[in-house]
Structure formats: C-alpha cells, structure tokens
C-alpha cells in the first residue's frame, strides 16, 4: 500500500474520486441535529466578533445618529437574511454543502470556480479574525502575566501585531485547531457555549465601561445628526445596502450550515429572526461601550480589545485584571472556528480524494497565517475595501444558485448525478462545465464592475458610486435573469416544468 493510498479520504465503493468522499455526501439523518433554536443562536456565536462590535463606528463617524445607524444596519441584515434562506434551501432540503450545490448550476467540474472563490475568501477572513483573536489573547495573558508586555517588539511599523501579540496569534491558531477536533454535528454545543460566553463577556465589558465612565453611556446615544438633505439620505441608503453586502459570504455558502438541519424548514425563521437580531444586539453593545470611551479618554476607542487593554494598563489592580481576563477570554472564544468550516467544505470539493472537510480546516488555518494578515490589516486599508467590495462576485454566484433551484430545476436535484463523471449525468453539461452559468456570472459581475472600481478611486463618478450601493439587487437580477434565459433558450438537462422538491425527511442517497 503506497503513501497515496494511506492519505486517501474514505468514500463508498465505486465513487468518482475526483468528485466524491464521505464528507461531501448528504449529511446522514442521525447527524442532522440543528433545529430552529440552534440556527437562531448560531448567529449570536457567529457575529460576536470584534469586527461586528465596531460595525457601527464608521457610520456614526460620518454623521448619522445612533438610532439611525442601528435601524439601517438591522434593515440591511434582514435583507441579506432573505438571500441566506434562499441560497441555503438546497442544502437544507438535500443536506449537501455549498460546493456540491454549485454542481447543479455550474457543472460537476465548473463548481470548482465558486468553491475556490469561497475558499480563498474564507482563508483571508480567518486570518483577519485570527489577528483579533491574537490581540484578545494578549490582553488575557497580560492580565495574568504582565511581563509579557516586556517582550521586545521586532515587528515593523506596518504590522497590526507586536512581537508579543504575534506569539498570541499562533497560540490562537493552535487553540482553533484543537477546537476543530470536535465532531461537526456536535458543534451545536459550541454554538450554545459561545452564546453563553458572549453574553457574559459582553455584559462584563459594558458594565466595566459604564463604571469607568462614571455611570454614563457617553454622548453617542443622544448626539444629533450632523448631515442633512440628500447627503444624509444617500448615506442611510448606503448603510442599509452595505450592511447587507458585507454579509455576502454568509449568503452564498448558506448550504454549508443548513445541510445540518433536522428539518428543511428549521433554518428559515432561525435565519430571518436570529441573524438581524444578533447583529442588532452586538452593535448596540459595541456602540455603547465605544461611547463610554469618549467620556474616559476624550476620544472614541471603537475596538473593544484596544479599549480593554488601555483600561487594564491604566488600572492594573486585581479587580481590573480579573475583569480583563474573563472579558478577553470571551472575545477569544467568540472568534474560534468562524470561517474554517466553510473553507473545509470548499477545499474538500476541490480535491476530495485527499482532502476531507477536517483536513480542509487545517489547510485553512495554515493558509491564514501564510498570507501574513497582520501586514494586510496594518498597512493596507484598501485591502478591507477589496473584501467588502467582493460582493459582486459572490452575489453573482448566489443568484445562479437561487435561480437554478427555484426557477430552473424547481426544487429537483438528481442526487447521484452530483457525484458522477458519466457524460450522461444531468450535471455533466459540456465536459463538466455549464457555460450558461459562467456567462451569467460574468454579466452579473460586469454590470457593477465600474462601480466596483470607484471604490478604489480608479474611476471618479458620483452616479457610479451611488449605483454600486444597489449591487446586491442589480448583480442578483442581472446574473439570475441571464442564467434563466440561457437555461430556457438553450435547454439544459435539469430544466423542469413544475415544482418538484421532495417532501419529508430524506435518507442518505435518495434522489427524489
């Protein structure tokens, strides 16, 4: 038996190893353990990160009020939750992940393109979150071992991390790796514990901040808007739609989570209620905490980890050390396994013979360090703009998934054909690629590409900049309509006349 054979991932007899392994198959019935409450609470665990805490800071800094900011962001999160439910429906119904769902529309080999897109984005975001995790872990350790602050910094000015924080960054990755040893369906336990930890740490941070501010929540809550007229109107529109666009990754790969649903309809209300509500609560706490910093330091400190570190350094007594330890520990825990699950699914689909979902997790962790995210965050603000602007690429994919499922195949997927290289298979199309999907994808991107360039100042045009705010709609409609027209004018094998989604709980391997 050769080394290659030893490294192979288990698959059923006769499986096409270029497409198939046990992890990519439908989640078995006994492992579908996520119900309504798990999906509802999952989003509290998923969005309780440092970046979400600071989500409202940019908008408030531009002159809108506290309540306008909350209302607009919540509206945006509700809009994207509709996309999440629709994109995740194939996963909830057939219990398969995003890369396998894409085979229905892009083709069995063409699906590698959206999977690769998602894998790269997930790896980058894992690196970004790991930087925050390293910073939080540093505060936690500093509260116990202040000598860690004496480690000489050898990192250049462009780095977001000091040498001491770099050590914590890699320790955080190790902690993440240990957490991933837990069986995936049992991650619901992590969801519940993350919710508990988030609640306790957030309440603790808010209580500490208000106490240091003399019982005040600061001026942000009562501050009036400083902008008016059309400028204010466009800013509110921008905030609603940008809040939705910033979650395009959640929408496109919704099947990765919804495949674990106990019943196909369990994710619906869990997403529609849980996602906007969790973001609302996180941003309320984040903005209130940030507001108190203006009272304490005379300036707004939007990053809660930096704020906590400053409070600790200025008040290094037993009470503050204990508070900083538990609060920062909560931040560390809330940042674990944020992006690796989806990346694991994507990588497993790209090389199913040798990469399982869990192996994909660890590849993602290694990749998140290789890209040097501490330099990206520390020296290139345009990098974050690129990430937030990536919506046109992901919404094109999401549109094709939704139209393929609801309008073309009308809820019907031939399960076994998703895993076969047989030329007679439904999803083989043209040598494994569905050209219709790629044409639609390109057009969906093209209609907003000029607006995409305005984000970086390459094109100077106020109308184009405003039009890009609506990219979630225009990209979705353009890609979706073109895909539907091509699928009907040039009929493809999965085109169906009537709604054909199966009812009831499907067993592993059923096609109808």
Protein backbone atom coordinates (compact mmCIF):
# COMPACT_ATOMS: atom_id res chain seq x y z
CA UNK A 1 0.00 0.00 0.00
CA UNK A 2 1.53 3.30 -1.12
CA UNK A 3 1.60 6.64 0.66
CA UNK A 4 -1.12 7.98 -1.64
CA UNK A 5 -3.45 5.16 -0.61
CA UNK A 6 -2.82 5.87 3.05
CA UNK A 7 -3.68 9.53 2.57
CA UNK A 8 -6.92 8.88 0.70
CA UNK A 9 -10.14 10.06 2.30
CA UNK A 10 -12.81 7.35 2.80
CA UNK A 11 -15.50 7.09 0.14
CA UNK A 12 -18.08 4.48 -0.79
CA UNK A 13 -17.20 1.75 -3.28
CA UNK A 14 -17.24 2.89 -6.89
CA UNK A 15 -17.10 6.60 -6.03
CA UNK A 16 -15.66 9.03 -8.59
CA UNK A 17 -12.66 10.18 -6.56
CA UNK A 18 -12.40 13.48 -8.41
CA UNK A 19 -15.84 14.42 -7.07
CA UNK A 20 -16.67 12.30 -4.07
CA UNK A 21 -15.79 11.50 -0.49
CA UNK A 22 -17.82 10.74 2.61
CA UNK A 23 -17.82 14.37 3.81
CA UNK A 24 -19.29 15.68 0.56
CA UNK A 25 -22.20 13.26 0.67
CA UNK A 26 -25.52 14.24 2.21
CA UNK A 27 -25.43 14.56 5.98
CA UNK A 28 -26.87 11.32 7.43
CA UNK A 29 -30.20 11.63 9.23
CA UNK A 30 -28.70 10.88 12.64
CA UNK A 31 -26.23 13.74 12.22
CA UNK A 32 -28.82 16.36 11.29
CA UNK A 33 -29.07 17.85 14.74
CA UNK A 34 -29.56 21.58 14.12
CA UNK A 35 -33.09 22.80 14.86
CA UNK A 36 -34.73 26.22 14.96
CA UNK A 37 -33.10 27.30 18.21
CA UNK A 38 -29.64 26.18 17.12
CA UNK A 39 -29.85 28.25 13.94
CA UNK A 40 -31.24 31.23 15.86
CA UNK A 41 -28.46 31.15 18.44
CA UNK A 42 -25.77 30.23 15.93
CA UNK A 43 -25.72 33.76 14.60
CA UNK A 44 -25.05 35.21 18.03
CA UNK A 45 -21.99 32.97 18.11
CA UNK A 46 -21.00 33.83 14.53
CA UNK A 47 -21.31 37.63 14.72
CA UNK A 48 -19.96 38.19 18.23
CA UNK A 49 -16.57 39.16 16.85
CA UNK A 50 -14.51 42.30 17.25
CA UNK A 51 -15.29 43.41 13.69
CA UNK A 52 -19.04 43.29 14.39
CA UNK A 53 -18.59 45.18 17.65
CA UNK A 54 -17.06 48.01 15.68
CA UNK A 55 -19.52 47.75 12.79
CA UNK A 56 -21.39 50.95 13.58
CA UNK A 57 -18.34 53.11 14.16
CA UNK A 58 -17.77 54.11 10.55
CA UNK A 59 -21.34 55.23 10.07
CA UNK A 60 -21.55 57.24 13.27
CA UNK A 61 -18.28 58.91 12.39
CA UNK A 62 -19.87 60.06 9.14
CA UNK A 63 -22.55 61.98 10.99
CA UNK A 64 -25.71 59.88 11.39
CA UNK A 65 -27.36 59.27 14.75
CA UNK A 66 -27.08 56.22 16.97
CA UNK A 67 -30.65 55.12 16.24
CA UNK A 68 -30.40 55.75 12.51
CA UNK A 69 -27.31 53.59 12.44
CA UNK A 70 -28.99 50.74 14.27
CA UNK A 71 -32.13 50.93 12.15
CA UNK A 72 -30.27 50.97 8.84
CA UNK A 73 -27.87 48.18 9.72
CA UNK A 74 -30.67 45.97 11.04
CA UNK A 75 -32.67 46.54 7.85
CA UNK A 76 -29.63 45.52 5.81
CA UNK A 77 -29.11 42.39 7.86
CA UNK A 78 -32.76 41.43 7.39
CA UNK A 79 -32.44 41.86 3.62
CA UNK A 80 -29.41 39.58 3.44
CA UNK A 81 -31.15 37.01 5.64
CA UNK A 82 -33.64 36.54 2.77
CA UNK A 83 -30.73 35.68 0.46
CA UNK A 84 -29.36 33.32 3.10
CA UNK A 85 -32.62 31.40 3.37
CA UNK A 86 -32.99 31.13 -0.41
CA UNK A 87 -29.36 30.18 -1.12
CA UNK A 88 -29.35 27.66 1.70
CA UNK A 89 -32.58 25.95 0.72
CA UNK A 90 -30.89 23.26 -1.44
CA UNK A 91 -28.61 22.45 1.48
CA UNK A 92 -31.49 22.28 3.95
CA UNK A 93 -33.58 20.13 1.60
CA UNK A 94 -30.88 17.78 0.27
CA UNK A 95 -28.41 18.11 3.18
CA UNK A 96 -25.45 18.90 0.93
CA UNK A 97 -22.91 21.72 1.17
CA UNK A 98 -22.30 24.77 -0.98
CA UNK A 99 -19.70 23.26 -3.37
CA UNK A 100 -21.96 20.29 -4.18
CA UNK A 101 -25.00 22.56 -4.61
CA UNK A 102 -22.97 24.55 -7.16
CA UNK A 103 -22.56 21.42 -9.31
CA UNK A 104 -26.23 21.63 -10.26
CA UNK A 105 -25.74 25.01 -11.94
CA UNK A 106 -22.03 25.35 -12.76
CA UNK A 107 -21.44 21.69 -13.64
CA UNK A 108 -19.60 18.95 -11.79
CA UNK A 109 -16.20 20.44 -12.63
CA UNK A 110 -17.28 24.04 -13.14
CA UNK A 111 -18.37 24.15 -9.49
CA UNK A 112 -14.70 24.31 -8.62
CA UNK A 113 -14.66 28.01 -9.53
CA UNK A 114 -17.19 29.22 -6.93
CA UNK A 115 -15.69 26.79 -4.40
CA UNK A 116 -12.22 28.23 -4.99
CA UNK A 117 -13.58 31.77 -4.64
CA UNK A 118 -15.13 30.92 -1.31
CA UNK A 119 -12.08 29.01 -0.05
CA UNK A 120 -9.81 31.98 -0.70
CA UNK A 121 -12.19 34.43 0.95
CA UNK A 122 -12.71 32.18 3.96
CA UNK A 123 -8.96 31.79 4.42
CA UNK A 124 -8.43 35.55 4.27
CA UNK A 125 -11.21 36.25 6.75
CA UNK A 126 -9.89 33.54 9.04
CA UNK A 127 -6.58 35.38 9.04
CA UNK A 128 -8.31 38.68 9.80
CA UNK A 129 -10.24 37.13 12.70
CA UNK A 130 -7.09 35.42 13.96
CA UNK A 131 -5.40 38.82 14.24
CA UNK A 132 -8.25 39.97 16.50
CA UNK A 133 -8.02 36.67 18.36
CA UNK A 134 -4.30 37.18 18.92
CA UNK A 135 -4.89 40.69 20.25
CA UNK A 136 -7.58 39.47 22.64
CA UNK A 137 -5.42 36.57 23.80
CA UNK A 138 -2.59 39.00 24.50
CA UNK A 139 -4.85 41.07 26.79
CA UNK A 140 -5.97 37.89 28.54
CA UNK A 141 -2.39 36.75 29.15
CA UNK A 142 -1.21 40.25 30.06
CA UNK A 143 -3.82 40.41 32.81
CA UNK A 144 -2.20 37.32 34.39
CA UNK A 145 1.42 37.70 33.33
CA UNK A 146 2.22 41.40 32.85
CA UNK A 147 5.81 40.50 31.99
CA UNK A 148 4.58 39.53 28.53
CA UNK A 149 4.41 43.26 27.88
CA UNK A 150 8.19 43.42 28.25
CA UNK A 151 8.81 41.30 25.16
CA UNK A 152 10.77 43.47 22.77
CA UNK A 153 8.87 44.32 19.64
CA UNK A 154 10.65 43.39 16.42
CA UNK A 155 7.66 43.84 14.12
CA UNK A 156 7.85 46.74 11.64
CA UNK A 157 5.56 49.74 11.81
CA UNK A 158 3.26 48.32 9.14
CA UNK A 159 2.23 45.38 11.31
CA UNK A 160 -1.06 45.29 13.22
CA UNK A 161 0.59 42.99 15.79
CA UNK A 162 3.59 43.39 18.08
CA UNK A 163 6.02 40.53 18.65
CA UNK A 164 4.18 39.54 21.83
CA UNK A 165 0.86 39.60 20.01
CA UNK A 166 2.37 37.54 17.19
CA UNK A 167 3.06 34.79 19.69
CA UNK A 168 -0.55 35.02 20.80
CA UNK A 169 -1.68 34.90 17.16
CA UNK A 170 -0.09 31.50 16.66
CA UNK A 171 -1.32 30.24 20.03
CA UNK A 172 -4.81 31.28 18.93
CA UNK A 173 -4.45 29.23 15.74
CA UNK A 174 -3.43 26.21 17.82
CA UNK A 175 -6.48 26.68 20.06
CA UNK A 176 -8.62 26.88 16.94
CA UNK A 177 -7.10 23.64 15.69
CA UNK A 178 -7.85 21.85 18.95
CA UNK A 179 -11.44 23.07 18.86
CA UNK A 180 -11.85 21.59 15.39
CA UNK A 181 -11.20 18.08 16.69
CA UNK A 182 -14.82 18.05 17.84
CA UNK A 183 -17.22 16.21 15.53
CA UNK A 184 -19.00 18.72 13.27
CA UNK A 185 -22.63 17.87 14.17
CA UNK A 186 -21.64 18.36 17.81
CA UNK A 187 -20.67 21.94 17.05
CA UNK A 188 -24.15 22.86 18.22
CA UNK A 189 -22.63 22.60 21.70
CA UNK A 190 -20.10 25.22 20.71
CA UNK A 191 -22.94 27.41 19.47
CA UNK A 192 -24.68 27.28 22.83
CA UNK A 193 -21.49 27.81 24.82
CA UNK A 194 -20.40 30.67 22.56
CA UNK A 195 -23.77 32.31 23.16
CA UNK A 196 -23.29 31.98 26.91
CA UNK A 197 -19.71 33.22 26.81
CA UNK A 198 -20.65 36.13 24.55
CA UNK A 199 -23.50 37.17 26.85
CA UNK A 200 -21.33 37.12 29.96
CA UNK A 201 -18.29 38.81 28.40
CA UNK A 202 -20.39 41.48 26.66
CA UNK A 203 -22.29 42.29 29.83
CA UNK A 204 -19.00 42.43 31.71
CA UNK A 205 -17.39 44.74 29.17
CA UNK A 206 -20.40 47.05 29.15
CA UNK A 207 -20.56 47.14 32.95
CA UNK A 208 -16.84 47.89 33.22
CA UNK A 209 -17.02 50.61 30.58
CA UNK A 210 -20.06 52.31 32.12
CA UNK A 211 -18.46 52.16 35.57
CA UNK A 212 -15.26 53.79 34.30
CA UNK A 213 -17.38 56.49 32.64
CA UNK A 214 -18.99 57.34 35.96
CA UNK A 215 -22.28 55.62 35.20
CA UNK A 216 -22.72 57.32 31.83
CA UNK A 217 -23.02 55.67 28.43
CA UNK A 218 -21.49 58.71 26.80
CA UNK A 219 -22.79 61.22 24.26
CA UNK A 220 -23.25 58.98 21.22
CA UNK A 221 -26.80 57.88 22.08
CA UNK A 222 -28.18 61.42 22.28
CA UNK A 223 -25.98 63.09 19.67
CA UNK A 224 -27.87 64.64 16.73
CA UNK A 225 -27.14 64.05 13.09
CA UNK A 226 -24.52 66.37 11.62
CA UNK A 227 -25.53 65.88 7.97
CA UNK A 228 -28.72 66.79 6.17
CA UNK A 229 -30.52 66.70 2.85
CA UNK A 230 -29.52 64.37 0.03
CA UNK A 231 -26.15 63.67 1.63
CA UNK A 232 -27.90 62.19 4.65
CA UNK A 233 -30.40 60.26 2.51
CA UNK A 234 -27.69 58.66 0.40
CA UNK A 235 -25.68 57.79 3.49
CA UNK A 236 -28.68 56.00 5.03
CA UNK A 237 -29.29 54.08 1.79
CA UNK A 238 -25.61 53.22 1.63
CA UNK A 239 -25.61 51.93 5.19
CA UNK A 240 -28.62 49.67 4.64
CA UNK A 241 -27.24 48.11 1.48
CA UNK A 242 -23.62 47.96 2.59
CA UNK A 243 -24.69 46.15 5.77
CA UNK A 244 -26.35 43.57 3.56
CA UNK A 245 -23.42 43.39 1.14
CA UNK A 246 -20.89 42.87 3.91
CA UNK A 247 -22.56 39.53 4.63
CA UNK A 248 -22.47 38.24 1.05
CA UNK A 249 -20.24 35.37 2.18
CA UNK A 250 -22.92 34.18 4.62
CA UNK A 251 -25.49 34.22 1.82
CA UNK A 252 -23.51 32.43 -0.86
CA UNK A 253 -22.45 29.48 1.28
CA UNK A 254 -25.58 29.16 3.42
CA UNK A 255 -25.94 25.50 2.44
CA UNK A 256 -22.78 24.64 4.36
CA UNK A 257 -24.65 25.30 7.61
CA UNK A 258 -28.18 24.44 6.58
CA UNK A 259 -27.17 20.93 5.50
CA UNK A 260 -27.16 20.06 9.22
CA UNK A 261 -30.84 20.99 9.67
CA UNK A 262 -33.06 18.44 11.41
CA UNK A 263 -35.97 19.54 9.22
CA UNK A 264 -35.72 21.51 5.96
CA UNK A 265 -37.74 24.43 7.32
CA UNK A 266 -35.82 24.76 10.59
CA UNK A 267 -33.33 27.32 9.22
CA UNK A 268 -35.97 29.70 7.83
CA UNK A 269 -37.12 31.57 10.93
CA UNK A 270 -33.79 30.89 12.59
CA UNK A 271 -32.12 32.96 9.87
CA UNK A 272 -34.81 35.61 9.39
CA UNK A 273 -35.01 36.34 13.11
CA UNK A 274 -31.69 35.21 14.52
CA UNK A 275 -29.37 36.93 12.06
CA UNK A 276 -30.69 40.53 12.18
CA UNK A 277 -31.45 40.30 15.90
CA UNK A 278 -27.98 39.04 16.81
CA UNK A 279 -26.31 41.77 14.77
CA UNK A 280 -28.59 44.39 16.33
CA UNK A 281 -27.69 43.35 19.87
CA UNK A 282 -23.96 43.07 19.16
CA UNK A 283 -23.83 46.52 17.58
CA UNK A 284 -25.87 48.12 20.38
CA UNK A 285 -23.41 46.83 22.96
CA UNK A 286 -20.42 47.72 20.80
CA UNK A 287 -21.54 51.31 20.23
CA UNK A 288 -22.46 51.85 23.88
CA UNK A 289 -19.07 50.59 25.01
CA UNK A 290 -17.33 52.77 22.44
CA UNK A 291 -19.38 55.76 23.54
CA UNK A 292 -18.15 55.44 27.12
CA UNK A 293 -14.56 55.64 25.91
CA UNK A 294 -15.17 59.24 24.84
CA UNK A 295 -16.00 60.07 28.46
CA UNK A 296 -13.00 58.18 29.82
CA UNK A 297 -10.32 59.18 27.30
CA UNK A 298 -11.75 62.14 25.44
CA UNK A 299 -11.78 60.18 22.19
CA UNK A 300 -13.77 57.27 20.83
CA UNK A 301 -11.96 53.92 21.00
CA UNK A 302 -14.04 51.68 18.75
CA UNK A 303 -12.00 48.48 19.07
CA UNK A 304 -13.11 46.83 22.35
CA UNK A 305 -9.87 44.88 22.71
CA UNK A 306 -7.75 48.04 22.47
CA UNK A 307 -10.13 49.82 24.85
CA UNK A 308 -9.91 46.94 27.32
CA UNK A 309 -6.11 46.94 27.11
CA UNK A 310 -5.97 50.68 27.81
CA UNK A 311 -8.26 50.31 30.81
CA UNK A 312 -6.10 47.48 32.12
CA UNK A 313 -2.82 49.34 31.69
CA UNK A 314 -4.22 52.44 33.40
CA UNK A 315 -5.84 50.48 36.25
CA UNK A 316 -3.67 47.45 36.89
CA UNK A 317 -5.32 46.23 40.08
CA UNK A 318 -6.85 42.87 41.00
CA UNK A 319 -10.40 43.81 40.01
CA UNK A 320 -9.45 45.16 36.59
CA UNK A 321 -7.09 42.26 35.93
CA UNK A 322 -9.84 39.74 36.70
CA UNK A 323 -12.35 41.62 34.59
CA UNK A 324 -9.94 41.95 31.68
CA UNK A 325 -9.10 38.25 31.85
CA UNK A 326 -12.67 37.00 31.63
CA UNK A 327 -13.81 39.57 29.08
CA UNK A 328 -10.86 38.99 26.75
CA UNK A 329 -11.27 35.23 27.18
CA UNK A 330 -14.82 35.68 25.93
CA UNK A 331 -13.54 37.55 22.88
CA UNK A 332 -11.02 34.78 22.18
CA UNK A 333 -13.66 32.08 22.38
CA UNK A 334 -16.12 34.01 20.22
CA UNK A 335 -13.58 34.19 17.38
CA UNK A 336 -12.92 30.45 17.18
CA UNK A 337 -13.99 28.39 14.11
CA UNK A 338 -15.52 31.44 12.39
CA UNK A 339 -14.57 30.67 8.78
CA UNK A 340 -12.83 27.32 8.72
CA UNK A 341 -15.96 25.20 8.34
CA UNK A 342 -16.97 26.68 5.00
CA UNK A 343 -13.39 26.64 3.78
CA UNK A 344 -13.12 22.97 4.74
CA UNK A 345 -16.14 22.14 2.59
CA UNK A 346 -14.76 24.10 -0.35
CA UNK A 347 -11.29 22.55 -0.22
CA UNK A 348 -12.72 19.05 0.18
CA UNK A 349 -14.67 19.53 -3.05
CA UNK A 350 -11.57 20.69 -4.93
CA UNK A 351 -9.55 17.59 -4.05
CA UNK A 352 -11.95 15.06 -2.50
CA UNK A 353 -9.60 12.13 -2.88
CA UNK A 354 -7.12 13.52 -0.37
CA UNK A 355 -8.87 16.38 1.45
CA UNK A 356 -11.65 15.77 3.94
CA UNK A 357 -13.57 18.65 5.50
CA UNK A 358 -11.42 18.47 8.62
CA UNK A 359 -8.20 18.41 6.64
CA UNK A 360 -9.55 21.44 4.85
CA UNK A 361 -9.95 23.12 8.26
CA UNK A 362 -6.26 22.79 8.98
CA UNK A 363 -5.22 23.86 5.49
CA UNK A 364 -7.30 26.99 6.08
CA UNK A 365 -5.56 27.63 9.41
CA UNK A 366 -2.12 27.28 7.84
CA UNK A 367 -3.15 29.45 4.89
CA UNK A 368 -4.50 32.14 7.20
CA UNK A 369 -1.00 32.52 8.66
CA UNK A 370 0.84 32.27 5.34
CA UNK A 371 -0.98 35.33 3.94
CA UNK A 372 0.50 37.47 6.77
CA UNK A 373 -2.79 39.13 7.76
CA UNK A 374 -1.04 41.31 10.36
CA UNK A 375 0.60 43.22 7.49
CA UNK A 376 -2.57 43.36 5.45
CA UNK A 377 -4.53 44.90 8.30
CA UNK A 378 -1.72 47.09 9.49
CA UNK A 379 -0.68 48.71 6.25
CA UNK A 380 -3.36 48.46 3.60
CA UNK A 381 -6.76 49.94 4.33
CA UNK A 382 -7.65 49.31 0.70
CA UNK A 383 -7.45 45.59 1.49
CA UNK A 384 -10.56 45.81 3.66
CA UNK A 385 -12.26 47.75 0.88
CA UNK A 386 -11.50 44.90 -1.52
CA UNK A 387 -13.03 42.38 0.87
CA UNK A 388 -16.20 44.39 1.38
CA UNK A 389 -16.45 45.08 -2.36
CA UNK A 390 -16.21 41.40 -3.24
CA UNK A 391 -20.00 41.28 -3.10
CA UNK A 392 -20.48 41.44 -6.87
CA UNK A 393 -18.60 38.17 -7.33
CA UNK A 394 -20.43 36.33 -4.56
CA UNK A 395 -23.88 37.71 -5.39
CA UNK A 396 -23.44 36.53 -8.97
CA UNK A 397 -22.84 33.03 -7.63
CA UNK A 398 -25.74 33.33 -5.19
CA UNK A 399 -28.11 34.48 -7.94
CA UNK A 400 -27.28 31.48 -10.12
CA UNK A 401 -27.77 29.08 -7.21
CA UNK A 402 -31.18 30.56 -6.38
CA UNK A 403 -32.47 30.71 -9.95
CA UNK A 404 -31.21 27.22 -10.71
CA UNK A 405 -33.00 25.76 -7.70
CA UNK A 406 -36.25 27.74 -7.68
CA UNK A 407 -36.81 28.55 -11.37
CA UNK A 408 -34.88 26.04 -13.49
CA UNK A 409 -34.84 22.72 -11.63
CA UNK A 410 -37.76 23.82 -9.42
CA UNK A 411 -36.51 22.09 -6.31
CA UNK A 412 -35.46 18.85 -8.01
CA UNK A 413 -31.87 17.63 -7.78
CA UNK A 414 -30.67 14.24 -9.01
CA UNK A 415 -28.56 13.31 -6.02
CA UNK A 416 -26.31 10.64 -7.53
CA UNK A 417 -25.66 12.73 -10.65
CA UNK A 418 -23.98 15.33 -8.45
CA UNK A 419 -21.19 12.81 -7.85
CA UNK A 420 -20.68 11.16 -11.24
CA UNK A 421 -18.37 11.90 -14.16
CA UNK A 422 -20.62 9.93 -16.50
CA UNK A 423 -21.21 12.00 -19.64
CA UNK A 424 -24.89 11.09 -19.45
CA UNK A 425 -25.17 12.59 -15.97
CA UNK A 426 -27.55 15.52 -15.56
CA UNK A 427 -24.83 17.91 -14.43
CA UNK A 428 -22.05 16.92 -16.82
CA UNK A 429 -23.17 19.61 -19.29
CA UNK A 430 -20.21 20.41 -21.59
CA UNK A 431 -17.20 18.47 -20.34
CA UNK A 432 -18.34 19.10 -16.77
CA UNK A 433 -18.89 22.85 -17.22
CA UNK A 434 -22.20 24.68 -17.70
CA UNK A 435 -21.33 27.58 -19.97
CA UNK A 436 -24.69 29.23 -19.24
CA UNK A 437 -23.76 29.71 -15.59
CA UNK A 438 -20.37 31.20 -16.45
CA UNK A 439 -21.87 33.65 -18.96
CA UNK A 440 -24.46 34.71 -16.38
CA UNK A 441 -21.77 35.02 -13.72
CA UNK A 442 -19.64 37.25 -15.95
CA UNK A 443 -22.57 39.52 -16.80
CA UNK A 444 -23.60 39.76 -13.15
CA UNK A 445 -20.09 40.97 -12.31
CA UNK A 446 -19.82 43.22 -15.37
CA UNK A 447 -22.92 45.31 -14.67
CA UNK A 448 -21.35 46.64 -11.48
CA UNK A 449 -17.66 46.40 -12.25
CA UNK A 450 -17.34 50.11 -13.00
CA UNK A 451 -18.92 50.85 -9.62
CA UNK A 452 -16.52 48.36 -8.07
CA UNK A 453 -13.62 50.40 -9.45
CA UNK A 454 -14.99 53.63 -7.98
CA UNK A 455 -14.43 52.15 -4.51
CA UNK A 456 -10.70 52.41 -5.14
CA UNK A 457 -10.70 55.79 -6.84
CA UNK A 458 -9.77 54.26 -10.20
CA UNK A 459 -12.91 55.83 -11.68
CA UNK A 460 -14.26 59.13 -10.39
CA UNK A 461 -18.04 59.17 -10.75
CA UNK A 462 -20.64 60.02 -8.13
CA UNK A 463 -23.52 58.34 -10.05
CA UNK A 464 -21.48 55.14 -10.42
CA UNK A 465 -20.60 55.21 -6.75
CA UNK A 466 -24.26 55.55 -5.83
CA UNK A 467 -25.28 52.80 -8.25
CA UNK A 468 -22.82 50.43 -6.61
CA UNK A 469 -24.76 50.67 -3.36
CA UNK A 470 -27.51 48.68 -5.09
CA UNK A 471 -25.18 45.95 -6.35
CA UNK A 472 -26.89 43.34 -4.17
CA UNK A 473 -30.01 43.81 -6.29
CA UNK A 474 -28.57 44.64 -9.71
CA UNK A 475 -25.98 41.87 -9.65
CA UNK A 476 -28.51 39.34 -8.40
CA UNK A 477 -31.10 40.29 -11.01
CA UNK A 478 -28.64 40.52 -13.91
CA UNK A 479 -26.95 37.18 -13.25
CA UNK A 480 -30.23 35.48 -12.35
CA UNK A 481 -32.21 36.68 -15.37
CA UNK A 482 -29.41 35.90 -17.83
CA UNK A 483 -28.98 32.41 -16.37
CA UNK A 484 -32.71 31.69 -16.58
CA UNK A 485 -32.95 32.92 -20.18
CA UNK A 486 -29.95 30.87 -21.28
CA UNK A 487 -31.22 27.78 -19.46
CA UNK A 488 -34.57 28.02 -21.24
CA UNK A 489 -33.47 29.22 -24.68
CA UNK A 490 -30.70 26.61 -24.69
CA UNK A 491 -32.47 23.97 -22.56
CA UNK A 492 -30.25 22.23 -20.04
CA UNK A 493 -30.86 18.75 -18.60
CA UNK A 494 -32.19 19.87 -15.21
CA UNK A 495 -34.85 22.20 -16.65
CA UNK A 496 -38.22 21.19 -15.16
CA UNK A 497 -41.78 22.32 -15.84
CA UNK A 498 -43.29 22.02 -12.35
CA UNK A 499 -42.23 22.31 -8.74
CA UNK A 500 -40.61 19.01 -7.81
CA UNK A 501 -38.95 19.46 -4.42
CA UNK A 502 -39.28 16.22 -2.41
CA UNK A 503 -41.24 16.24 0.82
CA UNK A 504 -40.42 14.70 4.18
CA UNK A 505 -37.04 13.75 5.62
CA UNK A 506 -34.71 12.32 3.01
CA UNK A 507 -32.47 9.38 3.73
CA UNK A 508 -28.84 9.41 2.66
CA UNK A 509 -28.51 8.81 -1.06
CA UNK A 510 -32.11 9.35 -2.10
CA UNK A 511 -32.53 11.34 -5.30
CA UNK A 512 -36.20 12.14 -5.18
